[in-house]
Each structure stands twice: as C-alpha cells, then as structure tokens.
Amino acid sequence: MRLTARDVTLLRDIALSHTLTRDQMIALGYFNTVTRTNRRLKQLSDIGLLKRLETPFFSQGLYSVTPKSAEILGEQIGLIVAGRTGSPRFIQHALCLTNARIRLIQRGATTWKFEQQLRCWFRFAGNRYEIRPDGLAVIDSNRHIAVEVDLGHVAPAKFEEKLYAFQAFVAAGKCQELWGVSTFRLLTLSPGKTRADNLSKLTPPKCPFEHFTTTFEEFGVPSVGAWS
C-alpha cells in the first residue's frame, strides 16, 4: 500500500495526541465521511502502523500508532510512543485535550502545538523552572492560547507551581524568545465549576498573563467519562 502525505500527517498527529477517535479525525479534517475513514484506518492497521484500542467504556474505537510507525515518522516519535502509558486516566486526558483542540479550531485557531513541542526548562532569578502546557493554539500572530486540561487529579499546590512557572516564563523573556509573543492567555478546562473557580484563585498576583478557567461544558467541549 502506498502511503500518502495525508497518511504521514495523520500518523504523526495520532502519535503526538496519544490516541484519536474516528470522529475526532473527521473533525480535524483528515476525512469527510465515516466510510472513507473506516476504510483507511483498516488499511493502516492491516500494514501494522495503527492499532485499535478496544474498550467497553467508550463508544468508538481508539486508534494509536505502533512502534513500526517510527520507520516513517522517525526515531523521535518512536521514543515518544515507547515511553507512554496506556492507563485509562492518560487516555481520558488525551481525548479531552483533542476535543478542546477541535473547539479552538472552530473558534479560529489555525495552528496547534503539542506538549512535546512546548516543553521547556529555564532558569530565572536563581530558580529552575519547567513549563509544559498540554497544548498551544495560535489564532493569529498575536493571540496564543496555552491549554491545560484539568481532570481534578492534580493537587492545588502542584497546579499553583505551574502558574508560577508560567509567570517566570514571561518575566524571563522566554515567551517572547520561544513563542514570538510577549505574553499569552492560559485556558484551564475543568469538569466542574467549583474546581474551575478554585484553580482561578491560585493565579499569582499581578499575573503577566491572562488566566481563564471554565468547565468543559461552558466552553462547548465534550467531556470524556473515566473508566478503569
């Protein structure tokens, strides 16, 4: 079977997203009908580049790349795939993040960067920081929206550390250096309003970036139920 440029782009997307559903692939513009999607996914699975994750807790099949995909996508992608966990919590987070990405595209985002492309370590004021937002949507050259999908598993103190790291990211000039903008908007999506409000209260005083917290439902993002 001859691989197309679309196949390679799709495989890369699935690898960086961890997993995608058929409907998510259609929403992202890879296919325009269910029949064509199913046919191509079967062909990619038959040659060993994709595998279907079966679960009785989700209505659709979940697709992820196999280690063989590294032959096409490169060793770096292969290392990402090899080091991943297939835990239900991880998959739930990945699916929720893709749903958020699709919603941002519907709202005008033209570029999406994955967590693996955004992870950064730096030093500022004698401290070492790490930032690793779940994703970054670019709506135009001056509107960058970093995304955090919160499922309620992170302790408030740990989330607060993330916010202070983002603050240092701006203050150190790393945002301008790496993202090409002086500041950004952080969008945090949570399953419930109480959790969203509590995370909003953790925002540092005189914060150099806008922190907007809301629920999946309010933002128009389908949530994904947990399973075990």
Protein backbone atom coordinates (compact mmCIF):
# COMPACT_ATOMS: atom_id res chain seq x y z
CA MET A 1 0.00 0.00 0.00
CA ARG A 2 1.31 3.45 -0.91
CA LEU A 3 1.34 5.97 1.91
CA THR A 4 0.16 9.47 1.12
CA ALA A 5 1.28 12.76 2.67
CA ARG A 6 -2.06 12.79 4.50
CA ASP A 7 -1.33 9.36 5.97
CA VAL A 8 2.01 10.51 7.34
CA THR A 9 0.49 13.69 8.79
CA LEU A 10 -2.33 11.68 10.37
CA LEU A 11 0.06 9.14 11.89
CA ARG A 12 2.16 11.94 13.34
CA ASP A 13 -0.95 13.58 14.76
CA ILE A 14 -2.11 10.33 16.36
CA ALA A 15 1.36 9.76 17.81
CA LEU A 16 1.56 13.23 19.35
CA SER A 17 -2.07 13.11 20.53
CA HIS A 18 -1.55 9.64 22.03
CA THR A 19 -4.86 8.45 20.60
CA LEU A 20 -7.65 9.71 18.34
CA THR A 21 -11.15 8.50 17.62
CA ARG A 22 -12.61 8.22 14.15
CA ASP A 23 -14.90 11.21 14.74
CA GLN A 24 -12.01 13.32 16.00
CA MET A 25 -10.08 12.57 12.79
CA ILE A 26 -13.06 13.73 10.75
CA ALA A 27 -13.44 16.87 12.88
CA LEU A 28 -9.74 17.63 12.37
CA GLY A 29 -10.26 17.50 8.60
CA TYR A 30 -8.45 14.29 7.68
CA PHE A 31 -11.55 12.68 6.18
CA ASN A 32 -15.03 13.79 5.20
CA THR A 33 -17.04 10.58 5.54
CA VAL A 34 -17.24 7.75 8.04
CA THR A 35 -16.88 5.16 5.26
CA ARG A 36 -13.61 6.62 3.95
CA THR A 37 -12.27 6.99 7.46
CA ASN A 38 -13.01 3.39 8.38
CA ARG A 39 -11.52 2.08 5.13
CA ARG A 40 -8.24 3.97 5.52
CA LEU A 41 -7.88 3.16 9.20
CA LYS A 42 -8.32 -0.52 8.42
CA GLN A 43 -5.66 -0.33 5.70
CA LEU A 44 -3.19 1.42 8.02
CA SER A 45 -3.95 -1.15 10.71
CA ASP A 46 -3.50 -4.07 8.29
CA ILE A 47 0.06 -2.97 7.47
CA GLY A 48 0.89 -2.60 11.16
CA LEU A 49 1.12 1.18 11.53
CA LEU A 50 -2.02 1.60 13.64
CA LYS A 51 -3.62 -0.41 16.37
CA ARG A 52 -7.14 -0.19 17.68
CA LEU A 53 -7.61 0.04 21.43
CA GLU A 54 -10.73 -1.84 22.39
CA THR A 55 -12.62 -0.73 25.47
CA PRO A 56 -16.17 -1.41 26.62
CA PHE A 57 -16.21 2.01 28.29
CA PHE A 58 -16.10 4.12 25.12
CA SER A 59 -18.50 4.09 22.19
CA GLN A 60 -15.83 4.24 19.44
CA GLY A 61 -12.58 2.50 18.74
CA LEU A 62 -9.49 4.40 19.83
CA TYR A 63 -6.52 4.40 17.47
CA SER A 64 -2.86 4.75 18.36
CA VAL A 65 0.33 4.24 16.36
CA THR A 66 2.51 1.17 16.72
CA PRO A 67 6.30 1.12 17.21
CA LYS A 68 6.55 0.30 13.48
CA SER A 69 5.43 3.85 12.72
CA ALA A 70 8.87 5.06 13.82
CA GLU A 71 10.16 3.75 10.47
CA ILE A 72 8.11 6.50 8.83
CA LEU A 73 7.86 9.18 11.50
CA GLY A 74 11.40 8.95 12.82
CA GLU A 75 13.14 7.84 15.99
CA GLN A 76 11.98 10.85 17.99
CA ILE A 77 8.35 9.88 17.51
CA GLY A 78 9.29 6.29 18.31
CA LEU A 79 10.76 7.35 21.65
CA ILE A 80 7.59 9.26 22.50
CA VAL A 81 5.42 6.25 21.73
CA ALA A 82 7.68 3.82 23.61
CA GLY A 83 7.64 5.87 26.78
CA ARG A 84 3.90 6.26 27.05
CA THR A 85 1.39 4.70 29.38
CA GLY A 86 -1.94 3.35 28.24
CA SER A 87 -3.70 3.97 31.52
CA PRO A 88 -7.39 4.93 31.39
CA ARG A 89 -6.64 8.27 33.05
CA PHE A 90 -3.99 9.12 30.46
CA ILE A 91 -6.31 8.20 27.59
CA GLN A 92 -9.17 10.20 29.10
CA HIS A 93 -6.92 13.25 29.35
CA ALA A 94 -5.71 12.83 25.76
CA LEU A 95 -9.24 12.59 24.36
CA CYS A 96 -10.41 15.64 26.35
CA LEU A 97 -7.44 17.65 25.09
CA THR A 98 -8.21 16.79 21.46
CA ASN A 99 -11.83 17.82 22.00
CA ALA A 100 -10.55 21.16 23.33
CA ARG A 101 -8.25 21.50 20.31
CA ILE A 102 -11.17 20.90 17.94
CA ARG A 103 -13.24 23.55 19.73
CA LEU A 104 -10.41 26.07 19.46
CA ILE A 105 -10.11 25.35 15.74
CA GLN A 106 -13.82 26.06 15.44
CA ARG A 107 -13.13 29.38 17.18
CA GLY A 108 -10.46 30.35 14.69
CA ALA A 109 -7.21 28.65 15.72
CA THR A 110 -5.01 27.97 12.69
CA THR A 111 -2.01 26.38 14.38
CA TRP A 112 -1.72 23.82 17.17
CA LYS A 113 1.43 22.82 19.00
CA PHE A 114 1.64 19.70 21.15
CA GLU A 115 3.03 19.38 24.66
CA GLN A 116 6.11 17.62 23.31
CA GLN A 117 6.88 20.71 21.19
CA LEU A 118 6.38 23.13 24.08
CA ARG A 119 8.23 21.58 27.00
CA CYS A 120 10.93 23.93 28.20
CA TRP A 121 13.38 24.20 31.09
CA PHE A 122 14.93 27.55 32.01
CA ARG A 123 16.46 29.46 34.90
CA PHE A 124 15.21 32.76 36.24
CA ALA A 125 16.08 34.70 39.39
CA GLY A 126 18.16 31.82 40.66
CA ASN A 127 15.46 29.19 40.22
CA ARG A 128 14.98 26.43 37.67
CA TYR A 129 11.56 26.14 36.06
CA GLU A 130 9.81 23.83 33.67
CA ILE A 131 6.76 24.64 31.57
CA ARG A 132 4.82 22.02 29.66
CA PRO A 133 1.30 23.16 28.75
CA ASP A 134 -0.92 20.45 27.31
CA GLY A 135 -1.12 22.37 24.04
CA LEU A 136 -0.91 25.78 22.41
CA ALA A 137 -3.44 27.23 19.98
CA VAL A 138 -2.46 30.15 17.76
CA ILE A 139 -5.44 32.13 16.48
CA ASP A 140 -3.39 34.86 14.84
CA SER A 141 0.17 36.05 15.13
CA ASN A 142 -0.59 37.87 18.39
CA ARG A 143 -3.10 35.53 20.06
CA HIS A 144 -1.56 32.50 21.69
CA ILE A 145 -3.70 30.35 23.98
CA ALA A 146 -1.95 27.78 26.16
CA VAL A 147 -4.27 24.98 27.24
CA GLU A 148 -4.38 22.99 30.45
CA VAL A 149 -6.88 20.14 30.71
CA ASP A 150 -7.58 19.53 34.39
CA LEU A 151 -9.47 16.40 35.40
CA GLY A 152 -9.23 17.08 39.11
CA HIS A 153 -6.28 14.78 39.78
CA VAL A 154 -3.60 17.45 40.35
CA ALA A 155 -3.21 18.84 43.86
CA PRO A 156 -3.85 22.61 44.08
CA ALA A 157 -0.29 23.21 45.27
CA LYS A 158 1.10 21.46 42.17
CA PHE A 159 -1.17 23.45 39.89
CA GLU A 160 -0.09 26.66 41.60
CA GLU A 161 3.53 25.73 40.83
CA LYS A 162 2.59 25.54 37.15
CA LEU A 163 1.15 29.04 37.28
CA TYR A 164 4.26 30.50 38.89
CA ALA A 165 6.39 28.75 36.27
CA PHE A 166 4.31 30.41 33.54
CA GLN A 167 4.80 33.73 35.31
CA ALA A 168 8.57 33.24 35.26
CA PHE A 169 8.34 32.15 31.60
CA VAL A 170 7.01 35.60 30.70
CA ALA A 171 9.26 37.54 33.09
CA ALA A 172 12.40 35.79 31.83
CA GLY A 173 11.59 36.72 28.24
CA LYS A 174 11.25 33.06 27.27
CA CYS A 175 7.72 33.55 25.98
CA GLN A 176 8.97 36.17 23.53
CA GLU A 177 12.00 34.08 22.62
CA LEU A 178 10.23 30.77 22.04
CA TRP A 179 6.66 31.70 21.14
CA GLY A 180 7.29 35.07 19.49
CA VAL A 181 4.87 36.98 21.74
CA SER A 182 5.35 38.94 24.94
CA THR A 183 2.50 37.21 26.76
CA PHE A 184 -0.31 34.71 26.25
CA ARG A 185 -3.65 33.54 27.56
CA LEU A 186 -3.89 30.39 29.65
CA LEU A 187 -7.12 28.43 29.27
CA THR A 188 -7.77 25.88 32.00
CA LEU A 189 -10.66 23.47 31.43
CA SER A 190 -12.10 21.53 34.36
CA PRO A 191 -15.04 19.16 34.78
CA GLY A 192 -16.86 21.27 37.38
CA LYS A 193 -17.41 24.94 38.20
CA THR A 194 -16.21 24.65 41.80
CA ARG A 195 -12.89 23.19 40.67
CA ALA A 196 -12.53 25.82 37.93
CA ASP A 197 -13.20 28.64 40.41
CA ASN A 198 -10.71 27.22 42.92
CA LEU A 199 -7.98 26.97 40.28
CA SER A 200 -8.67 30.55 39.20
CA LYS A 201 -7.98 31.72 42.76
CA LEU A 202 -4.45 30.28 42.52
CA THR A 203 -3.46 32.77 39.83
CA PRO A 204 -0.42 34.78 41.02
CA PRO A 205 -0.97 38.45 41.93
CA LYS A 206 -0.12 40.92 39.16
CA CYS A 207 -0.01 37.98 36.79
CA PRO A 208 1.64 38.87 33.44
CA PHE A 209 -0.70 36.54 31.52
CA GLU A 210 -4.46 36.17 31.47
CA HIS A 211 -5.70 33.01 33.19
CA PHE A 212 -9.20 31.97 32.14
CA THR A 213 -10.75 28.97 33.88
CA THR A 214 -14.01 27.36 32.83
CA THR A 215 -15.73 23.99 32.56
CA PHE A 216 -15.73 21.68 29.57
CA GLU A 217 -19.47 22.22 29.22
CA GLU A 218 -19.28 26.03 29.32
CA PHE A 219 -16.55 26.04 26.68
CA GLY A 220 -18.52 23.68 24.45
CA VAL A 221 -16.10 20.78 24.80
CA PRO A 222 -17.47 17.22 25.12
CA SER A 223 -16.07 15.66 28.26
CA VAL A 224 -14.89 12.07 28.34
CA GLY A 225 -16.01 9.88 31.22
CA ALA A 226 -13.45 7.98 33.24
CA TRP A 227 -13.19 4.22 33.15
CA SER A 228 -10.98 1.57 34.69
